[in-house]
Amino acid sequence: MSSFATYIIGFIILIVGLAIAAHLLGAPALWIAVGAIILIGIAIVSAATRTQSPDQPR
């Protein structure tokens, strides 16, 4: 499994945990969904920047 996939899976587990906590605290479902979508976007961007290989000099 690539490091990108591992990073994304870990972030998704974090998002699910935060969504469950928000639900238990009584947050509206719409705001939970908005927060999850924003966090998924952040996860993809940060995983792509952290797992890219450096440019090779010519």
N, C-alpha and C. Protein backbone atom coordinates (compact mmCIF):
# COMPACT_ATOMS: atom_id res chain seq x y z
N MET A 1 0.85 -1.17 0.00
CA MET A 1 0.00 0.00 0.00
C MET A 1 0.90 1.24 0.00
N SER A 2 0.54 2.20 -0.81
CA SER A 2 1.37 3.40 -0.92
C SER A 2 1.20 4.29 0.31
N SER A 3 2.15 5.17 0.49
CA SER A 3 2.06 6.07 1.64
C SER A 3 0.90 7.05 1.47
N PHE A 4 0.54 7.37 0.21
CA PHE A 4 -0.61 8.23 -0.04
C PHE A 4 -1.89 7.58 0.47
N ALA A 5 -2.07 6.30 0.16
CA ALA A 5 -3.27 5.59 0.60
C ALA A 5 -3.30 5.46 2.12
N THR A 6 -2.17 5.20 2.73
CA THR A 6 -2.11 5.09 4.18
C THR A 6 -2.47 6.42 4.84
N TYR A 7 -1.97 7.51 4.29
CA TYR A 7 -2.26 8.84 4.82
C TYR A 7 -3.75 9.14 4.71
N ILE A 8 -4.36 8.83 3.56
CA ILE A 8 -5.78 9.09 3.34
C ILE A 8 -6.63 8.24 4.28
N ILE A 9 -6.29 6.97 4.45
CA ILE A 9 -7.06 6.10 5.33
C ILE A 9 -7.01 6.61 6.77
N GLY A 10 -5.85 7.03 7.22
CA GLY A 10 -5.73 7.59 8.56
C GLY A 10 -6.55 8.85 8.74
N PHE A 11 -6.55 9.70 7.72
CA PHE A 11 -7.32 10.93 7.80
C PHE A 11 -8.81 10.65 7.79
N ILE A 12 -9.25 9.65 7.02
CA ILE A 12 -10.67 9.29 6.99
C ILE A 12 -11.12 8.76 8.34
N ILE A 13 -10.28 7.97 8.99
CA ILE A 13 -10.61 7.48 10.33
C ILE A 13 -10.76 8.66 11.29
N LEU A 14 -9.87 9.64 11.18
CA LEU A 14 -9.98 10.84 12.01
C LEU A 14 -11.28 11.59 11.73
N ILE A 15 -11.65 11.75 10.46
CA ILE A 15 -12.87 12.47 10.09
C ILE A 15 -14.10 11.75 10.64
N VAL A 16 -14.13 10.43 10.53
CA VAL A 16 -15.27 9.67 11.04
C VAL A 16 -15.39 9.85 12.55
N GLY A 17 -14.28 9.81 13.25
CA GLY A 17 -14.31 10.02 14.70
C GLY A 17 -14.81 11.40 15.07
N LEU A 18 -14.36 12.42 14.35
CA LEU A 18 -14.83 13.77 14.63
C LEU A 18 -16.31 13.94 14.29
N ALA A 19 -16.77 13.30 13.22
CA ALA A 19 -18.18 13.38 12.86
C ALA A 19 -19.06 12.71 13.91
N ILE A 20 -18.62 11.58 14.43
CA ILE A 20 -19.38 10.90 15.48
C ILE A 20 -19.42 11.77 16.74
N ALA A 21 -18.29 12.37 17.09
CA ALA A 21 -18.26 13.23 18.27
C ALA A 21 -19.19 14.44 18.08
N ALA A 22 -19.19 15.02 16.88
CA ALA A 22 -20.07 16.17 16.63
C ALA A 22 -21.53 15.75 16.71
N HIS A 23 -21.85 14.56 16.22
CA HIS A 23 -23.22 14.06 16.30
C HIS A 23 -23.64 13.86 17.75
N LEU A 24 -22.76 13.31 18.56
CA LEU A 24 -23.08 13.09 19.97
C LEU A 24 -23.23 14.41 20.72
N LEU A 25 -22.56 15.45 20.25
CA LEU A 25 -22.68 16.76 20.88
C LEU A 25 -23.90 17.53 20.40
N GLY A 26 -24.61 16.98 19.40
CA GLY A 26 -25.84 17.60 18.95
C GLY A 26 -25.69 18.57 17.79
N ALA A 27 -24.59 18.50 17.06
CA ALA A 27 -24.42 19.38 15.90
C ALA A 27 -25.37 18.95 14.78
N PRO A 28 -25.90 19.91 14.02
CA PRO A 28 -26.79 19.55 12.91
C PRO A 28 -26.05 18.73 11.84
N ALA A 29 -26.77 17.81 11.22
CA ALA A 29 -26.16 16.91 10.23
C ALA A 29 -25.58 17.68 9.05
N LEU A 30 -26.20 18.77 8.67
CA LEU A 30 -25.69 19.56 7.55
C LEU A 30 -24.29 20.10 7.85
N TRP A 31 -24.08 20.60 9.05
CA TRP A 31 -22.77 21.14 9.41
C TRP A 31 -21.73 20.04 9.57
N ILE A 32 -22.16 18.88 10.01
CA ILE A 32 -21.23 17.74 10.09
C ILE A 32 -20.77 17.37 8.69
N ALA A 33 -21.70 17.34 7.73
CA ALA A 33 -21.34 17.01 6.35
C ALA A 33 -20.42 18.06 5.75
N VAL A 34 -20.70 19.33 6.00
CA VAL A 34 -19.84 20.40 5.48
C VAL A 34 -18.44 20.27 6.06
N GLY A 35 -18.34 20.04 7.34
CA GLY A 35 -17.03 19.88 7.97
C GLY A 35 -16.27 18.67 7.42
N ALA A 36 -16.99 17.57 7.20
CA ALA A 36 -16.34 16.37 6.66
C ALA A 36 -15.83 16.61 5.24
N ILE A 37 -16.60 17.31 4.42
CA ILE A 37 -16.17 17.60 3.05
C ILE A 37 -14.93 18.49 3.05
N ILE A 38 -14.91 19.49 3.91
CA ILE A 38 -13.74 20.37 4.00
C ILE A 38 -12.52 19.58 4.46
N LEU A 39 -12.69 18.72 5.46
CA LEU A 39 -11.56 17.93 5.95
C LEU A 39 -11.06 16.93 4.92
N ILE A 40 -11.95 16.37 4.11
CA ILE A 40 -11.52 15.46 3.04
C ILE A 40 -10.67 16.22 2.02
N GLY A 41 -11.08 17.43 1.69
CA GLY A 41 -10.28 18.25 0.77
C GLY A 41 -8.90 18.56 1.33
N ILE A 42 -8.85 18.92 2.61
CA ILE A 42 -7.56 19.18 3.25
C ILE A 42 -6.70 17.92 3.26
N ALA A 43 -7.33 16.77 3.50
CA ALA A 43 -6.58 15.50 3.53
C ALA A 43 -5.96 15.21 2.18
N ILE A 44 -6.70 15.40 1.11
CA ILE A 44 -6.18 15.11 -0.22
C ILE A 44 -5.02 16.04 -0.57
N VAL A 45 -5.19 17.32 -0.29
CA VAL A 45 -4.13 18.28 -0.60
C VAL A 45 -2.88 18.00 0.22
N SER A 46 -3.03 17.76 1.51
CA SER A 46 -1.85 17.52 2.34
C SER A 46 -1.20 16.18 2.03
N ALA A 47 -1.99 15.16 1.69
CA ALA A 47 -1.40 13.87 1.33
C ALA A 47 -0.62 13.98 0.03
N ALA A 48 -1.16 14.74 -0.91
CA ALA A 48 -0.46 14.89 -2.19
C ALA A 48 0.85 15.64 -2.03
N THR A 49 0.88 16.66 -1.18
CA THR A 49 2.12 17.42 -1.01
C THR A 49 3.14 16.66 -0.17
N ARG A 50 2.69 15.87 0.80
CA ARG A 50 3.63 15.16 1.66
C ARG A 50 4.20 13.90 1.01
N THR A 51 3.49 13.31 0.08
CA THR A 51 3.94 12.03 -0.48
C THR A 51 4.52 12.16 -1.88
N GLN A 52 4.61 13.37 -2.42
CA GLN A 52 5.19 13.49 -3.76
C GLN A 52 6.69 13.34 -3.68
N SER A 53 7.26 12.78 -4.72
CA SER A 53 8.71 12.60 -4.74
C SER A 53 9.36 13.87 -5.23
N PRO A 54 10.55 14.17 -4.74
CA PRO A 54 11.23 15.41 -5.17
C PRO A 54 11.63 15.33 -6.64
N ASP A 55 11.71 16.48 -7.28
CA ASP A 55 12.12 16.52 -8.68
C ASP A 55 13.57 16.08 -8.81
N GLN A 56 13.81 15.30 -9.85
CA GLN A 56 15.15 14.81 -10.12
C GLN A 56 15.91 15.84 -10.96
N PRO A 57 17.14 16.19 -10.57
CA PRO A 57 17.92 17.12 -11.40
C PRO A 57 18.30 16.46 -12.71
N ARG A 58 18.41 17.29 -13.74
CA ARG A 58 18.78 16.74 -15.07
C ARG A 58 20.25 16.65 -15.25
